[in-house]
Amino acid sequence: MAAWSYWQFNFTGEHGELPEIVNGGAASANLFPLLGVQPAIGRTFSENEDSPGGNSVMLAWNVFERRFGGNPSTIGKQIHIDGKAYTVVGELPKWFTFPDAKIQVWVPFTSGLRPEALTGHDYHFARVIARLRPNVSLASAVSQVSAVQYALHLENLHAQVAEEVAPRALVENLGESVKKPLTILLCAACCMPSRSLWSMW
């Protein structure tokens, strides 16, 4: 299981270029290995870097080309995010757009979090993705995770902790943003006059 969340950053380069607000993500160290993603250049986060105060950053390909000209020597350089210096450790492949093509930078999940956000149950910002072990059914996995979730619920009745787990396939989650437009397009296509369809042949 890996965790991630959406962030937004004030982003500058190493030489004090004009800042810009960029969409970003925070990822636990195991997110990219779990997805089977290798960086195009450099490496992903280490477990040691996924800790409060961590200062590593990975760049999406679009910002890598736009701000740094696609120069591999960007690895090891420093950029500033919200006024804090981060060291570039990797550039993600051009095709990688999970979970949103608008995300331009990734930082370790816990690097910018306050201590209470890591220990409290009232902070509902994290998203979790998991991969099933071979020969383990979804029902069995959900049952095990739900047991842990229910125990947490009983231990924290003062907080908004759900009693159970509700999983859904990754492809369904990623397709949620385009589901409605595609449905409208399909309905519009079905309403086209038959002579218009014949004219296409």
N, C-alpha and C. Protein backbone atom coordinates (compact mmCIF):
# COMPACT_ATOMS: atom_id res chain seq x y z
N MET A 1 0.85 -1.19 0.00
CA MET A 1 0.00 0.00 0.00
C MET A 1 0.88 1.24 0.00
N ALA A 2 0.46 2.24 -0.75
CA ALA A 2 1.21 3.50 -0.82
C ALA A 2 0.22 4.65 -0.66
N ALA A 3 0.73 5.79 -0.21
CA ALA A 3 -0.11 6.96 0.02
C ALA A 3 0.35 8.12 -0.86
N TRP A 4 -0.60 8.98 -1.22
CA TRP A 4 -0.28 10.19 -1.96
C TRP A 4 -1.36 11.22 -1.71
N SER A 5 -1.07 12.46 -2.02
CA SER A 5 -2.07 13.52 -1.90
C SER A 5 -1.71 14.65 -2.85
N TYR A 6 -2.71 15.47 -3.17
CA TYR A 6 -2.49 16.64 -4.00
C TYR A 6 -1.90 17.77 -3.15
N TRP A 7 -0.96 18.50 -3.73
CA TRP A 7 -0.42 19.70 -3.10
C TRP A 7 -0.38 20.80 -4.14
N GLN A 8 -0.10 22.02 -3.66
CA GLN A 8 0.14 23.14 -4.57
C GLN A 8 1.33 23.91 -4.02
N PHE A 9 2.26 24.27 -4.91
CA PHE A 9 3.52 24.85 -4.47
C PHE A 9 3.79 26.20 -5.12
N ASN A 10 4.57 27.01 -4.39
CA ASN A 10 5.21 28.18 -4.96
C ASN A 10 6.60 27.74 -5.38
N PHE A 11 6.86 27.73 -6.69
CA PHE A 11 8.02 27.05 -7.24
C PHE A 11 8.98 28.04 -7.89
N THR A 12 10.29 27.94 -7.55
CA THR A 12 11.35 28.70 -8.22
C THR A 12 12.54 27.79 -8.47
N GLY A 13 13.43 28.21 -9.36
CA GLY A 13 14.63 27.43 -9.65
C GLY A 13 15.74 27.75 -8.67
N GLU A 14 16.96 27.38 -9.03
CA GLU A 14 18.08 27.56 -8.12
C GLU A 14 18.68 28.95 -8.18
N HIS A 15 18.33 29.75 -9.20
CA HIS A 15 18.93 31.07 -9.37
C HIS A 15 17.93 32.19 -9.15
N GLY A 16 16.87 31.92 -8.43
CA GLY A 16 15.91 32.96 -8.10
C GLY A 16 15.04 33.41 -9.24
N GLU A 17 14.72 32.50 -10.19
CA GLU A 17 13.83 32.85 -11.28
C GLU A 17 12.46 33.26 -10.72
N LEU A 18 11.69 33.91 -11.57
CA LEU A 18 10.36 34.32 -11.14
C LEU A 18 9.57 33.10 -10.65
N PRO A 19 8.92 33.22 -9.52
CA PRO A 19 8.16 32.08 -8.99
C PRO A 19 6.87 31.85 -9.76
N GLU A 20 6.35 30.66 -9.65
CA GLU A 20 5.06 30.32 -10.23
C GLU A 20 4.36 29.33 -9.32
N ILE A 21 3.05 29.35 -9.35
CA ILE A 21 2.27 28.38 -8.59
C ILE A 21 2.07 27.15 -9.46
N VAL A 22 2.49 25.99 -8.96
CA VAL A 22 2.35 24.76 -9.73
C VAL A 22 1.58 23.72 -8.92
N ASN A 23 0.88 22.85 -9.63
CA ASN A 23 0.23 21.72 -8.99
C ASN A 23 1.27 20.65 -8.70
N GLY A 24 1.17 20.06 -7.53
CA GLY A 24 2.14 19.04 -7.16
C GLY A 24 1.49 17.88 -6.44
N GLY A 25 2.31 16.92 -6.10
CA GLY A 25 1.85 15.76 -5.36
C GLY A 25 2.85 15.38 -4.29
N ALA A 26 2.36 14.76 -3.26
CA ALA A 26 3.21 14.21 -2.20
C ALA A 26 3.04 12.70 -2.22
N ALA A 27 4.14 11.97 -2.28
CA ALA A 27 4.07 10.52 -2.45
C ALA A 27 4.92 9.80 -1.41
N SER A 28 4.37 8.71 -0.86
CA SER A 28 5.19 7.87 0.00
C SER A 28 6.29 7.24 -0.84
N ALA A 29 7.38 6.86 -0.20
CA ALA A 29 8.56 6.38 -0.93
C ALA A 29 8.26 5.17 -1.81
N ASN A 30 7.24 4.40 -1.46
CA ASN A 30 6.97 3.18 -2.23
C ASN A 30 5.92 3.36 -3.33
N LEU A 31 5.42 4.58 -3.55
CA LEU A 31 4.38 4.77 -4.55
C LEU A 31 4.84 4.40 -5.95
N PHE A 32 5.98 4.93 -6.38
CA PHE A 32 6.43 4.69 -7.75
C PHE A 32 6.85 3.23 -7.98
N PRO A 33 7.55 2.59 -7.03
CA PRO A 33 7.80 1.14 -7.20
C PRO A 33 6.51 0.33 -7.26
N LEU A 34 5.51 0.71 -6.45
CA LEU A 34 4.24 -0.03 -6.46
C LEU A 34 3.57 0.10 -7.83
N LEU A 35 3.67 1.27 -8.45
CA LEU A 35 3.08 1.47 -9.77
C LEU A 35 3.95 0.89 -10.88
N GLY A 36 5.16 0.45 -10.53
CA GLY A 36 6.07 -0.09 -11.54
C GLY A 36 6.68 0.99 -12.42
N VAL A 37 6.85 2.19 -11.86
CA VAL A 37 7.37 3.33 -12.62
C VAL A 37 8.82 3.59 -12.26
N GLN A 38 9.65 3.61 -13.27
CA GLN A 38 11.06 3.98 -13.10
C GLN A 38 11.27 5.38 -13.66
N PRO A 39 12.03 6.24 -12.99
CA PRO A 39 12.27 7.57 -13.53
C PRO A 39 13.06 7.51 -14.83
N ALA A 40 12.83 8.48 -15.69
CA ALA A 40 13.59 8.55 -16.94
C ALA A 40 15.04 8.90 -16.66
N ILE A 41 15.25 9.72 -15.66
CA ILE A 41 16.59 10.11 -15.23
C ILE A 41 16.61 10.15 -13.71
N GLY A 42 17.69 9.71 -13.11
CA GLY A 42 17.80 9.77 -11.65
C GLY A 42 17.11 8.61 -10.96
N ARG A 43 16.50 8.89 -9.82
CA ARG A 43 15.91 7.84 -8.98
C ARG A 43 14.64 8.36 -8.32
N THR A 44 13.95 7.44 -7.63
CA THR A 44 12.77 7.81 -6.85
C THR A 44 13.20 8.10 -5.41
N PHE A 45 12.23 8.38 -4.55
CA PHE A 45 12.53 8.71 -3.16
C PHE A 45 12.98 7.48 -2.38
N SER A 46 13.87 7.70 -1.44
CA SER A 46 14.25 6.63 -0.51
C SER A 46 13.37 6.73 0.73
N GLU A 47 13.34 5.66 1.54
CA GLU A 47 12.53 5.67 2.75
C GLU A 47 13.02 6.73 3.72
N ASN A 48 14.33 6.95 3.77
CA ASN A 48 14.87 7.97 4.68
C ASN A 48 14.41 9.38 4.30
N GLU A 49 14.20 9.59 3.00
CA GLU A 49 13.77 10.91 2.54
C GLU A 49 12.29 11.16 2.81
N ASP A 50 11.53 10.08 2.97
CA ASP A 50 10.10 10.21 3.25
C ASP A 50 9.90 10.39 4.76
N SER A 51 10.31 11.55 5.26
CA SER A 51 10.27 11.85 6.68
C SER A 51 10.10 13.36 6.85
N PRO A 52 9.62 13.81 8.03
CA PRO A 52 9.47 15.25 8.24
C PRO A 52 10.79 15.98 7.99
N GLY A 53 10.70 17.04 7.22
CA GLY A 53 11.91 17.80 6.91
C GLY A 53 12.64 17.31 5.69
N GLY A 54 12.16 16.25 5.03
CA GLY A 54 12.81 15.74 3.83
C GLY A 54 12.87 16.81 2.75
N ASN A 55 13.93 16.80 1.95
CA ASN A 55 14.11 17.89 0.98
C ASN A 55 14.43 17.38 -0.42
N SER A 56 13.85 16.25 -0.80
CA SER A 56 14.05 15.72 -2.15
C SER A 56 12.81 16.02 -2.99
N VAL A 57 13.01 16.13 -4.30
CA VAL A 57 11.90 16.41 -5.20
C VAL A 57 12.11 15.69 -6.52
N MET A 58 11.02 15.22 -7.11
CA MET A 58 11.02 14.63 -8.45
C MET A 58 10.22 15.54 -9.36
N LEU A 59 10.68 15.69 -10.60
CA LEU A 59 10.02 16.57 -11.55
C LEU A 59 9.25 15.78 -12.59
N ALA A 60 8.06 16.25 -12.92
CA ALA A 60 7.34 15.70 -14.06
C ALA A 60 8.03 16.18 -15.33
N TRP A 61 7.84 15.44 -16.42
CA TRP A 61 8.58 15.73 -17.64
C TRP A 61 8.27 17.12 -18.20
N ASN A 62 7.02 17.58 -18.06
CA ASN A 62 6.66 18.87 -18.64
C ASN A 62 7.42 20.02 -18.00
N VAL A 63 7.53 20.02 -16.67
CA VAL A 63 8.27 21.10 -16.02
C VAL A 63 9.78 20.92 -16.20
N PHE A 64 10.22 19.68 -16.34
CA PHE A 64 11.63 19.40 -16.60
C PHE A 64 12.06 20.02 -17.93
N GLU A 65 11.23 19.90 -18.95
CA GLU A 65 11.55 20.50 -20.25
C GLU A 65 11.33 22.01 -20.25
N ARG A 66 10.24 22.44 -19.64
CA ARG A 66 9.86 23.86 -19.70
C ARG A 66 10.79 24.75 -18.89
N ARG A 67 11.14 24.31 -17.69
CA ARG A 67 11.96 25.17 -16.82
C ARG A 67 13.45 24.87 -16.89
N PHE A 68 13.80 23.64 -17.29
CA PHE A 68 15.22 23.26 -17.26
C PHE A 68 15.74 22.78 -18.60
N GLY A 69 14.93 22.93 -19.65
CA GLY A 69 15.38 22.59 -21.00
C GLY A 69 15.69 21.13 -21.20
N GLY A 70 15.16 20.24 -20.33
CA GLY A 70 15.43 18.81 -20.46
C GLY A 70 16.87 18.44 -20.21
N ASN A 71 17.60 19.26 -19.47
CA ASN A 71 19.02 19.02 -19.22
C ASN A 71 19.21 17.99 -18.11
N PRO A 72 19.85 16.84 -18.40
CA PRO A 72 20.06 15.81 -17.37
C PRO A 72 20.86 16.30 -16.16
N SER A 73 21.63 17.38 -16.34
CA SER A 73 22.42 17.89 -15.22
C SER A 73 21.55 18.54 -14.14
N THR A 74 20.23 18.59 -14.40
CA THR A 74 19.30 19.10 -13.39
C THR A 74 19.33 18.23 -12.14
N ILE A 75 19.62 16.94 -12.33
CA ILE A 75 19.73 16.02 -11.18
C ILE A 75 20.82 16.54 -10.24
N GLY A 76 20.47 16.63 -8.98
CA GLY A 76 21.41 17.10 -7.97
C GLY A 76 21.34 18.59 -7.72
N LYS A 77 20.63 19.33 -8.59
CA LYS A 77 20.51 20.77 -8.37
C LYS A 77 19.39 21.06 -7.39
N GLN A 78 19.39 22.29 -6.89
CA GLN A 78 18.37 22.69 -5.93
C GLN A 78 17.34 23.62 -6.57
N ILE A 79 16.10 23.41 -6.19
CA ILE A 79 15.03 24.33 -6.52
C ILE A 79 14.38 24.74 -5.21
N HIS A 80 13.56 25.76 -5.24
CA HIS A 80 12.91 26.22 -4.02
C HIS A 80 11.40 26.06 -4.13
N ILE A 81 10.84 25.38 -3.15
CA ILE A 81 9.40 25.14 -3.08
C ILE A 81 8.91 25.74 -1.77
N ASP A 82 8.01 26.70 -1.90
CA ASP A 82 7.50 27.42 -0.73
C ASP A 82 8.63 27.98 0.12
N GLY A 83 9.68 28.43 -0.55
CA GLY A 83 10.80 29.05 0.14
C GLY A 83 11.82 28.08 0.72
N LYS A 84 11.58 26.79 0.57
CA LYS A 84 12.49 25.78 1.12
C LYS A 84 13.28 25.14 -0.02
N ALA A 85 14.58 24.88 0.21
CA ALA A 85 15.43 24.28 -0.81
C ALA A 85 15.19 22.78 -0.89
N TYR A 86 14.94 22.29 -2.11
CA TYR A 86 14.77 20.87 -2.38
C TYR A 86 15.80 20.45 -3.43
N THR A 87 16.31 19.24 -3.28
CA THR A 87 17.27 18.70 -4.24
C THR A 87 16.56 17.79 -5.23
N VAL A 88 16.77 18.03 -6.52
CA VAL A 88 16.15 17.22 -7.57
C VAL A 88 16.85 15.86 -7.62
N VAL A 89 16.08 14.77 -7.41
CA VAL A 89 16.66 13.43 -7.43
C VAL A 89 16.22 12.62 -8.66
N GLY A 90 15.16 13.06 -9.34
CA GLY A 90 14.70 12.28 -10.49
C GLY A 90 13.73 13.04 -11.37
N GLU A 91 13.67 12.62 -12.64
CA GLU A 91 12.69 13.13 -13.58
C GLU A 91 11.83 11.97 -14.05
N LEU A 92 10.54 12.14 -13.97
CA LEU A 92 9.62 11.07 -14.35
C LEU A 92 9.48 10.97 -15.86
N PRO A 93 9.11 9.79 -16.38
CA PRO A 93 8.96 9.62 -17.83
C PRO A 93 7.90 10.56 -18.41
N LYS A 94 8.03 10.86 -19.68
CA LYS A 94 7.11 11.77 -20.35
C LYS A 94 5.69 11.23 -20.35
N TRP A 95 5.53 9.90 -20.40
CA TRP A 95 4.19 9.30 -20.46
C TRP A 95 3.50 9.24 -19.11
N PHE A 96 4.23 9.48 -18.03
CA PHE A 96 3.65 9.30 -16.69
C PHE A 96 2.81 10.52 -16.32
N THR A 97 1.51 10.32 -16.17
CA THR A 97 0.61 11.42 -15.83
C THR A 97 -0.30 11.08 -14.65
N PHE A 98 0.07 10.08 -13.86
CA PHE A 98 -0.75 9.70 -12.71
C PHE A 98 -0.60 10.74 -11.60
N PRO A 99 -1.66 11.07 -10.90
CA PRO A 99 -3.07 10.79 -11.21
C PRO A 99 -3.69 11.88 -12.07
N ASP A 100 -2.83 12.86 -12.43
CA ASP A 100 -3.33 14.02 -13.18
C ASP A 100 -2.15 14.61 -13.95
N ALA A 101 -2.37 14.88 -15.22
CA ALA A 101 -1.30 15.44 -16.06
C ALA A 101 -0.88 16.83 -15.61
N LYS A 102 -1.66 17.48 -14.77
CA LYS A 102 -1.32 18.82 -14.30
C LYS A 102 -0.26 18.82 -13.20
N ILE A 103 -0.02 17.66 -12.58
CA ILE A 103 0.99 17.60 -11.52
C ILE A 103 2.38 17.75 -12.13
N GLN A 104 3.16 18.69 -11.61
CA GLN A 104 4.47 18.99 -12.17
C GLN A 104 5.64 18.63 -11.25
N VAL A 105 5.40 18.57 -9.96
CA VAL A 105 6.47 18.20 -9.03
C VAL A 105 5.92 17.25 -7.97
N TRP A 106 6.80 16.36 -7.50
CA TRP A 106 6.46 15.43 -6.43
C TRP A 106 7.47 15.58 -5.29
N VAL A 107 6.97 15.58 -4.06
CA VAL A 107 7.83 15.60 -2.88
C VAL A 107 7.48 14.38 -2.02
N PRO A 108 8.37 13.97 -1.11
CA PRO A 108 8.04 12.86 -0.21
C PRO A 108 6.80 13.18 0.62
N PHE A 109 6.01 12.19 0.89
CA PHE A 109 4.71 12.37 1.51
C PHE A 109 4.76 13.14 2.83
N THR A 110 5.67 12.77 3.70
CA THR A 110 5.68 13.38 5.04
C THR A 110 6.60 14.58 5.16
N SER A 111 7.25 14.99 4.07
CA SER A 111 8.28 16.01 4.17
C SER A 111 7.76 17.37 4.64
N GLY A 112 6.54 17.72 4.26
CA GLY A 112 6.04 19.04 4.63
C GLY A 112 4.88 19.01 5.59
N LEU A 113 4.62 17.86 6.21
CA LEU A 113 3.47 17.73 7.09
C LEU A 113 3.80 18.12 8.52
N ARG A 114 2.83 18.70 9.20
CA ARG A 114 2.98 18.98 10.62
C ARG A 114 2.85 17.67 11.39
N PRO A 115 3.51 17.56 12.56
CA PRO A 115 3.46 16.30 13.34
C PRO A 115 2.05 15.83 13.61
N GLU A 116 1.11 16.76 13.90
CA GLU A 116 -0.24 16.35 14.24
C GLU A 116 -0.95 15.72 13.04
N ALA A 117 -0.53 16.08 11.84
CA ALA A 117 -1.14 15.49 10.65
C ALA A 117 -0.75 14.02 10.48
N LEU A 118 0.38 13.64 11.04
CA LEU A 118 0.86 12.26 10.94
C LEU A 118 0.28 11.36 12.02
N THR A 119 -0.16 11.95 13.11
CA THR A 119 -0.64 11.14 14.24
C THR A 119 -2.14 11.28 14.48
N GLY A 120 -2.74 12.35 14.00
CA GLY A 120 -4.16 12.57 14.23
C GLY A 120 -5.03 11.85 13.21
N HIS A 121 -6.27 11.60 13.59
CA HIS A 121 -7.21 10.91 12.69
C HIS A 121 -8.24 11.87 12.11
N ASP A 122 -8.03 13.16 12.30
CA ASP A 122 -8.97 14.14 11.78
C ASP A 122 -8.50 14.77 10.47
N TYR A 123 -7.35 14.33 9.98
CA TYR A 123 -6.80 14.88 8.75
C TYR A 123 -7.08 13.92 7.59
N HIS A 124 -8.06 14.25 6.78
CA HIS A 124 -8.50 13.34 5.72
C HIS A 124 -8.02 13.87 4.36
N PHE A 125 -6.73 13.85 4.16
CA PHE A 125 -6.17 14.37 2.92
C PHE A 125 -5.47 13.28 2.10
N ALA A 126 -5.15 12.17 2.72
CA ALA A 126 -4.36 11.13 2.05
C ALA A 126 -5.24 10.24 1.18
N ARG A 127 -4.67 9.81 0.09
CA ARG A 127 -5.29 8.82 -0.79
C ARG A 127 -4.38 7.59 -0.79
N VAL A 128 -4.98 6.42 -0.86
CA VAL A 128 -4.21 5.19 -0.75
C VAL A 128 -4.43 4.32 -1.97
N ILE A 129 -3.35 3.76 -2.47
CA ILE A 129 -3.43 2.82 -3.58
C ILE A 129 -2.73 1.53 -3.15
N ALA A 130 -3.26 0.40 -3.54
CA ALA A 130 -2.72 -0.89 -3.09
C ALA A 130 -2.67 -1.88 -4.25
N ARG A 131 -1.77 -2.81 -4.14
CA ARG A 131 -1.65 -3.89 -5.13
C ARG A 131 -1.86 -5.22 -4.40
N LEU A 132 -2.71 -6.06 -4.96
CA LEU A 132 -2.98 -7.36 -4.34
C LEU A 132 -1.80 -8.30 -4.52
N ARG A 133 -1.52 -9.07 -3.48
CA ARG A 133 -0.52 -10.13 -3.61
C ARG A 133 -1.06 -11.23 -4.52
N PRO A 134 -0.17 -11.99 -5.16
CA PRO A 134 -0.64 -13.11 -5.98
C PRO A 134 -1.48 -14.08 -5.15
N ASN A 135 -2.54 -14.58 -5.73
CA ASN A 135 -3.43 -15.57 -5.12
C ASN A 135 -4.22 -15.03 -3.93
N VAL A 136 -4.28 -13.70 -3.78
CA VAL A 136 -5.10 -13.10 -2.73
C VAL A 136 -6.30 -12.41 -3.41
N SER A 137 -7.49 -12.77 -3.00
CA SER A 137 -8.68 -12.18 -3.60
C SER A 137 -8.93 -10.79 -3.05
N LEU A 138 -9.65 -9.99 -3.81
CA LEU A 138 -10.01 -8.65 -3.35
C LEU A 138 -10.85 -8.72 -2.08
N ALA A 139 -11.78 -9.66 -2.03
CA ALA A 139 -12.64 -9.80 -0.86
C ALA A 139 -11.83 -10.09 0.39
N SER A 140 -10.83 -10.96 0.28
CA SER A 140 -9.99 -11.30 1.43
C SER A 140 -9.18 -10.09 1.89
N ALA A 141 -8.62 -9.36 0.94
CA ALA A 141 -7.83 -8.17 1.29
C ALA A 141 -8.69 -7.11 1.95
N VAL A 142 -9.87 -6.88 1.39
CA VAL A 142 -10.77 -5.87 1.96
C VAL A 142 -11.19 -6.28 3.37
N SER A 143 -11.41 -7.55 3.58
CA SER A 143 -11.81 -8.04 4.91
C SER A 143 -10.71 -7.75 5.94
N GLN A 144 -9.47 -8.00 5.55
CA GLN A 144 -8.36 -7.76 6.48
C GLN A 144 -8.18 -6.27 6.77
N VAL A 145 -8.23 -5.45 5.73
CA VAL A 145 -8.06 -4.02 5.94
C VAL A 145 -9.24 -3.43 6.70
N SER A 146 -10.43 -3.93 6.44
CA SER A 146 -11.62 -3.44 7.14
C SER A 146 -11.53 -3.75 8.63
N ALA A 147 -10.95 -4.89 8.99
CA ALA A 147 -10.79 -5.24 10.40
C ALA A 147 -9.88 -4.22 11.10
N VAL A 148 -8.80 -3.84 10.42
CA VAL A 148 -7.90 -2.82 10.98
C VAL A 148 -8.62 -1.48 11.07
N GLN A 149 -9.36 -1.14 10.02
CA GLN A 149 -10.08 0.13 9.99
C GLN A 149 -11.11 0.21 11.11
N TYR A 150 -11.82 -0.89 11.35
CA TYR A 150 -12.84 -0.88 12.39
C TYR A 150 -12.21 -0.74 13.77
N ALA A 151 -11.05 -1.37 13.96
CA ALA A 151 -10.34 -1.24 15.23
C ALA A 151 -9.93 0.22 15.47
N LEU A 152 -9.45 0.88 14.41
CA LEU A 152 -9.10 2.30 14.52
C LEU A 152 -10.32 3.15 14.84
N HIS A 153 -11.44 2.78 14.23
CA HIS A 153 -12.69 3.49 14.50
C HIS A 153 -13.07 3.40 15.98
N LEU A 154 -12.97 2.22 16.56
CA LEU A 154 -13.33 2.03 17.96
C LEU A 154 -12.37 2.77 18.89
N GLU A 155 -11.10 2.87 18.48
CA GLU A 155 -10.10 3.56 19.30
C GLU A 155 -10.20 5.08 19.20
N ASN A 156 -10.91 5.56 18.19
CA ASN A 156 -10.97 7.00 17.96
C ASN A 156 -12.41 7.43 17.67
N LEU A 157 -13.28 7.15 18.60
CA LEU A 157 -14.68 7.47 18.41
C LEU A 157 -14.93 8.98 18.37
N HIS A 158 -13.98 9.77 18.88
CA HIS A 158 -14.13 11.22 18.87
C HIS A 158 -13.81 11.82 17.50
N ALA A 159 -13.14 11.04 16.65
CA ALA A 159 -12.72 11.53 15.34
C ALA A 159 -13.58 10.91 14.24
N GLN A 160 -13.49 11.50 13.06
CA GLN A 160 -14.27 11.01 11.92
C GLN A 160 -13.50 9.91 11.21
N VAL A 161 -13.51 8.74 11.81
CA VAL A 161 -12.83 7.58 11.24
C VAL A 161 -13.89 6.61 10.71
N ALA A 162 -13.80 6.28 9.44
CA ALA A 162 -14.78 5.38 8.84
C ALA A 162 -14.71 3.99 9.47
N GLU A 163 -15.82 3.28 9.42
CA GLU A 163 -15.88 1.95 10.01
C GLU A 163 -15.39 0.86 9.07
N GLU A 164 -15.37 1.13 7.76
CA GLU A 164 -15.03 0.08 6.81
C GLU A 164 -14.28 0.66 5.62
N VAL A 165 -13.85 -0.23 4.74
CA VAL A 165 -13.08 0.15 3.56
C VAL A 165 -13.94 -0.05 2.32
N ALA A 166 -13.86 0.90 1.39
CA ALA A 166 -14.61 0.81 0.15
C ALA A 166 -13.65 0.95 -1.03
N PRO A 167 -13.13 -0.18 -1.54
CA PRO A 167 -12.14 -0.10 -2.63
C PRO A 167 -12.79 0.06 -3.99
N ARG A 168 -12.01 0.54 -4.95
CA ARG A 168 -12.43 0.52 -6.34
C ARG A 168 -11.19 0.42 -7.21
N ALA A 169 -11.37 -0.15 -8.40
CA ALA A 169 -10.24 -0.40 -9.28
C ALA A 169 -9.60 0.91 -9.71
N LEU A 170 -8.29 0.88 -9.91
CA LEU A 170 -7.55 2.08 -10.30
C LEU A 170 -8.06 2.63 -11.63
N VAL A 171 -8.35 1.74 -12.58
CA VAL A 171 -8.81 2.21 -13.89
C VAL A 171 -10.14 2.95 -13.76
N GLU A 172 -10.98 2.53 -12.83
CA GLU A 172 -12.25 3.21 -12.60
C GLU A 172 -12.01 4.59 -11.99
N ASN A 173 -11.05 4.66 -11.08
CA ASN A 173 -10.73 5.93 -10.43
C ASN A 173 -10.16 6.94 -11.43
N LEU A 174 -9.25 6.47 -12.29
CA LEU A 174 -8.63 7.36 -13.26
C LEU A 174 -9.61 7.80 -14.33
N GLY A 175 -10.61 6.95 -14.63
CA GLY A 175 -11.56 7.28 -15.67
C GLY A 175 -12.73 8.13 -15.21
N GLU A 176 -12.77 8.45 -13.92
CA GLU A 176 -13.90 9.19 -13.38
C GLU A 176 -14.05 10.56 -14.02
N SER A 177 -12.93 11.25 -14.28
CA SER A 177 -12.99 12.61 -14.81
C SER A 177 -13.47 12.66 -16.26
N VAL A 178 -13.31 11.56 -17.00
CA VAL A 178 -13.72 11.56 -18.42
C VAL A 178 -15.01 10.77 -18.64
N LYS A 179 -15.53 10.16 -17.61
CA LYS A 179 -16.72 9.32 -17.76
C LYS A 179 -17.92 10.13 -18.26
N LYS A 180 -18.19 11.27 -17.64
CA LYS A 180 -19.35 12.07 -18.02
C LYS A 180 -19.21 12.63 -19.43
N PRO A 181 -18.05 13.25 -19.79
CA PRO A 181 -17.92 13.76 -21.18
C PRO A 181 -18.06 12.66 -22.23
N LEU A 182 -17.51 11.48 -21.96
CA LEU A 182 -17.62 10.39 -22.93
C LEU A 182 -19.05 9.90 -23.07
N THR A 183 -19.78 9.89 -21.96
CA THR A 183 -21.18 9.47 -22.01
C THR A 183 -22.00 10.45 -22.85
N ILE A 184 -21.74 11.75 -22.65
CA ILE A 184 -22.45 12.77 -23.43
C ILE A 184 -22.11 12.63 -24.91
N LEU A 185 -20.82 12.40 -25.21
CA LEU A 185 -20.40 12.23 -26.60
C LEU A 185 -21.05 11.02 -27.24
N LEU A 186 -21.15 9.92 -26.49
CA LEU A 186 -21.78 8.71 -27.01
C LEU A 186 -23.26 8.95 -27.31
N CYS A 187 -23.94 9.64 -26.39
CA CYS A 187 -25.35 9.93 -26.60
C CYS A 187 -25.55 10.83 -27.82
N ALA A 188 -24.64 11.82 -27.98
CA ALA A 188 -24.74 12.71 -29.13
C ALA A 188 -24.54 11.95 -30.43
N ALA A 189 -23.59 10.99 -30.44
CA ALA A 189 -23.33 10.20 -31.64
C ALA A 189 -24.53 9.33 -32.00
N CYS A 190 -25.20 8.80 -30.97
CA CYS A 190 -26.36 7.94 -31.22
C CYS A 190 -27.54 8.73 -31.78
N CYS A 191 -27.56 10.04 -31.54
CA CYS A 191 -28.67 10.87 -32.01
C CYS A 191 -28.45 11.42 -33.42
N MET A 192 -27.29 11.14 -34.01
CA MET A 192 -27.02 11.63 -35.35
C MET A 192 -27.98 11.00 -36.35
N PRO A 193 -28.48 11.76 -37.34
CA PRO A 193 -29.37 11.19 -38.37
C PRO A 193 -28.66 10.09 -39.14
N SER A 194 -29.40 9.09 -39.57
CA SER A 194 -28.81 7.95 -40.27
C SER A 194 -28.12 8.37 -41.57
N ARG A 195 -28.67 9.40 -42.29
CA ARG A 195 -28.06 9.81 -43.54
C ARG A 195 -26.67 10.41 -43.32
N SER A 196 -26.48 11.04 -42.13
CA SER A 196 -25.16 11.58 -41.81
C SER A 196 -24.16 10.46 -41.61
N LEU A 197 -24.63 9.37 -41.04
CA LEU A 197 -23.74 8.24 -40.83
C LEU A 197 -23.36 7.63 -42.17
N TRP A 198 -24.35 7.52 -43.10
CA TRP A 198 -24.06 6.94 -44.39
C TRP A 198 -23.09 7.82 -45.17
N SER A 199 -23.15 9.14 -44.98
CA SER A 199 -22.29 10.03 -45.74
C SER A 199 -20.82 9.90 -45.36
N MET A 200 -20.56 9.25 -44.25
CA MET A 200 -19.19 9.08 -43.80
C MET A 200 -18.49 7.96 -44.56
N TRP A 201 -19.24 7.11 -45.23
CA TRP A 201 -18.63 5.94 -45.91
C TRP A 201 -18.25 6.31 -47.33
